[in-house]
Amino acid sequence: MRIYIYYYYIFVNSLSFLISALDKLKAKKNKWRIKENTLHIFSFLGGVYGSILSMIILKHKTKKLKFKLITLMAFLLHTFIIFYWIYLKYFSSS
């Protein structure tokens, strides 16, 4: 089952990056945009690393403080989850 966790994170982060890239493309063409709440949902579902990558590479949503703070919260949550999982897997005595 643990291998599925890796696949899940790869999938959701790839999807998060692609959705952010699509939103950035739509912004450049002045078309209908993807809601910020949708982008946040993907971040909190585990796609926060894809979101951050899109912020760095595509300069997506980098001027919006609220967006950056919510992304930071998702980053802290998922980083904690991953480190806790690593701790349980490798350092737990059970």
C-alpha atoms as a PDB file:
ATOM      1  CA  MET A   1       0.000   0.000   0.000  1.00  0.00           C
ATOM      2  CA  ARG A   2       2.883   2.391   0.679  1.00  0.00           C
ATOM      3  CA  ILE A   3       3.829   2.491  -2.987  1.00  0.00           C
ATOM      4  CA  TYR A   4       0.375   3.919  -3.707  1.00  0.00           C
ATOM      5  CA  ILE A   5       1.172   6.896  -1.495  1.00  0.00           C
ATOM      6  CA  TYR A   6       4.120   7.735  -3.741  1.00  0.00           C
ATOM      7  CA  TYR A   7       1.983   7.375  -6.855  1.00  0.00           C
ATOM      8  CA  TYR A   8      -0.717   9.518  -5.279  1.00  0.00           C
ATOM      9  CA  TYR A   9       1.692  12.352  -4.476  1.00  0.00           C
ATOM     10  CA  ILE A  10       3.234  12.206  -7.957  1.00  0.00           C
ATOM     11  CA  PHE A  11      -0.208  12.264  -9.565  1.00  0.00           C
ATOM     12  CA  VAL A  12      -1.742  15.028  -7.464  1.00  0.00           C
ATOM     13  CA  ASN A  13       1.347  17.264  -7.718  1.00  0.00           C
ATOM     14  CA  SER A  14       1.547  16.810 -11.478  1.00  0.00           C
ATOM     15  CA  LEU A  15      -2.145  17.612 -11.760  1.00  0.00           C
ATOM     16  CA  SER A  16      -1.760  20.638  -9.497  1.00  0.00           C
ATOM     17  CA  PHE A  17       1.098  21.957 -11.633  1.00  0.00           C
ATOM     18  CA  LEU A  18      -0.870  21.409 -14.849  1.00  0.00           C
ATOM     19  CA  ILE A  19      -3.970  23.146 -13.486  1.00  0.00           C
ATOM     20  CA  SER A  20      -1.848  26.100 -12.380  1.00  0.00           C
ATOM     21  CA  ALA A  21      -0.194  26.221 -15.809  1.00  0.00           C
ATOM     22  CA  LEU A  22      -3.611  26.170 -17.473  1.00  0.00           C
ATOM     23  CA  ASP A  23      -4.774  29.022 -15.236  1.00  0.00           C
ATOM     24  CA  LYS A  24      -1.648  31.016 -16.080  1.00  0.00           C
ATOM     25  CA  LEU A  25      -2.254  30.447 -19.797  1.00  0.00           C
ATOM     26  CA  LYS A  26      -5.868  31.582 -19.457  1.00  0.00           C
ATOM     27  CA  ALA A  27      -4.734  34.686 -17.576  1.00  0.00           C
ATOM     28  CA  LYS A  28      -2.400  35.647 -20.415  1.00  0.00           C
ATOM     29  CA  LYS A  29      -5.239  35.258 -22.927  1.00  0.00           C
ATOM     30  CA  ASN A  30      -7.777  37.146 -20.747  1.00  0.00           C
ATOM     31  CA  LYS A  31     -10.059  34.105 -20.629  1.00  0.00           C
ATOM     32  CA  TRP A  32     -12.155  32.543 -17.880  1.00  0.00           C
ATOM     33  CA  ARG A  33      -9.906  31.534 -14.993  1.00  0.00           C
ATOM     34  CA  ILE A  34      -9.762  28.621 -12.603  1.00  0.00           C
ATOM     35  CA  LYS A  35     -11.012  29.590  -9.139  1.00  0.00           C
ATOM     36  CA  GLU A  36      -8.396  30.097  -6.456  1.00  0.00           C
ATOM     37  CA  ASN A  37     -10.375  27.781  -4.189  1.00  0.00           C
ATOM     38  CA  THR A  38      -9.891  24.991  -6.731  1.00  0.00           C
ATOM     39  CA  LEU A  39      -6.140  25.601  -6.721  1.00  0.00           C
ATOM     40  CA  HIS A  40      -6.159  25.568  -2.903  1.00  0.00           C
ATOM     41  CA  ILE A  41      -8.140  22.330  -2.791  1.00  0.00           C
ATOM     42  CA  PHE A  42      -5.482  20.627  -4.907  1.00  0.00           C
ATOM     43  CA  SER A  43      -2.785  22.017  -2.609  1.00  0.00           C
ATOM     44  CA  PHE A  44      -4.464  20.668   0.505  1.00  0.00           C
ATOM     45  CA  LEU A  45      -5.084  17.312  -1.180  1.00  0.00           C
ATOM     46  CA  GLY A  46      -1.310  16.967  -1.476  1.00  0.00           C
ATOM     47  CA  GLY A  47      -0.494  18.908  -4.633  1.00  0.00           C
ATOM     48  CA  VAL A  48       1.161  21.765  -2.820  1.00  0.00           C
ATOM     49  CA  TYR A  49       4.606  20.961  -4.201  1.00  0.00           C
ATOM     50  CA  GLY A  50       3.267  21.190  -7.756  1.00  0.00           C
ATOM     51  CA  SER A  51       1.647  24.500  -6.838  1.00  0.00           C
ATOM     52  CA  ILE A  52       4.882  25.862  -5.434  1.00  0.00           C
ATOM     53  CA  LEU A  53       6.770  24.666  -8.497  1.00  0.00           C
ATOM     54  CA  SER A  54       4.309  26.534 -10.715  1.00  0.00           C
ATOM     55  CA  MET A  55       4.772  29.644  -8.589  1.00  0.00           C
ATOM     56  CA  ILE A  56       8.539  29.437  -9.082  1.00  0.00           C
ATOM     57  CA  ILE A  57       8.703  28.391 -12.735  1.00  0.00           C
ATOM     58  CA  LEU A  58       5.623  30.132 -14.134  1.00  0.00           C
ATOM     59  CA  LYS A  59       5.502  33.073 -11.693  1.00  0.00           C
ATOM     60  CA  HIS A  60       1.900  32.067 -11.013  1.00  0.00           C
ATOM     61  CA  LYS A  61       0.027  33.879  -8.215  1.00  0.00           C
ATOM     62  CA  THR A  62       3.251  35.275  -6.761  1.00  0.00           C
ATOM     63  CA  LYS A  63       1.825  38.755  -6.088  1.00  0.00           C
ATOM     64  CA  LYS A  64      -1.156  37.571  -4.042  1.00  0.00           C
ATOM     65  CA  LEU A  65      -0.239  37.484  -0.350  1.00  0.00           C
ATOM     66  CA  LYS A  66      -3.376  35.565   0.680  1.00  0.00           C
ATOM     67  CA  PHE A  67      -2.691  32.892  -1.937  1.00  0.00           C
ATOM     68  CA  LYS A  68       0.917  32.557  -0.785  1.00  0.00           C
ATOM     69  CA  LEU A  69      -0.107  32.259   2.883  1.00  0.00           C
ATOM     70  CA  ILE A  70      -2.681  29.552   2.175  1.00  0.00           C
ATOM     71  CA  THR A  71      -0.133  27.708   0.035  1.00  0.00           C
ATOM     72  CA  LEU A  72       2.363  27.991   2.891  1.00  0.00           C
ATOM     73  CA  MET A  73      -0.182  26.428   5.258  1.00  0.00           C
ATOM     74  CA  ALA A  74      -0.700  23.511   2.862  1.00  0.00           C
ATOM     75  CA  PHE A  75       3.075  23.167   2.497  1.00  0.00           C
ATOM     76  CA  LEU A  76       3.591  23.007   6.258  1.00  0.00           C
ATOM     77  CA  LEU A  77       0.763  20.491   6.644  1.00  0.00           C
ATOM     78  CA  HIS A  78       2.017  18.117   3.967  1.00  0.00           C
ATOM     79  CA  THR A  79       5.653  18.472   4.921  1.00  0.00           C
ATOM     80  CA  PHE A  80       4.687  17.531   8.478  1.00  0.00           C
ATOM     81  CA  ILE A  81       2.667  14.556   7.211  1.00  0.00           C
ATOM     82  CA  ILE A  82       5.562  13.310   5.074  1.00  0.00           C
ATOM     83  CA  PHE A  83       8.153  13.698   7.837  1.00  0.00           C
ATOM     84  CA  TYR A  84       5.828  12.016  10.328  1.00  0.00           C
ATOM     85  CA  TRP A  85       5.304   9.124   7.917  1.00  0.00           C
ATOM     86  CA  ILE A  86       9.089   8.826   7.470  1.00  0.00           C
ATOM     87  CA  TYR A  87       9.523   8.872  11.242  1.00  0.00           C
ATOM     88  CA  LEU A  88       6.956   6.099  11.697  1.00  0.00           C
ATOM     89  CA  LYS A  89       8.472   4.045   8.918  1.00  0.00           C
ATOM     90  CA  TYR A  90      12.148   4.287   9.871  1.00  0.00           C
ATOM     91  CA  PHE A  91      12.458   5.457  13.468  1.00  0.00           C
ATOM     92  CA  SER A  92       9.467   4.088  15.297  1.00  0.00           C
ATOM     93  CA  SER A  93      10.279   1.173  17.586  1.00  0.00           C
ATOM     94  CA  SER A  94       7.119  -0.771  16.740  1.00  0.00           C
END
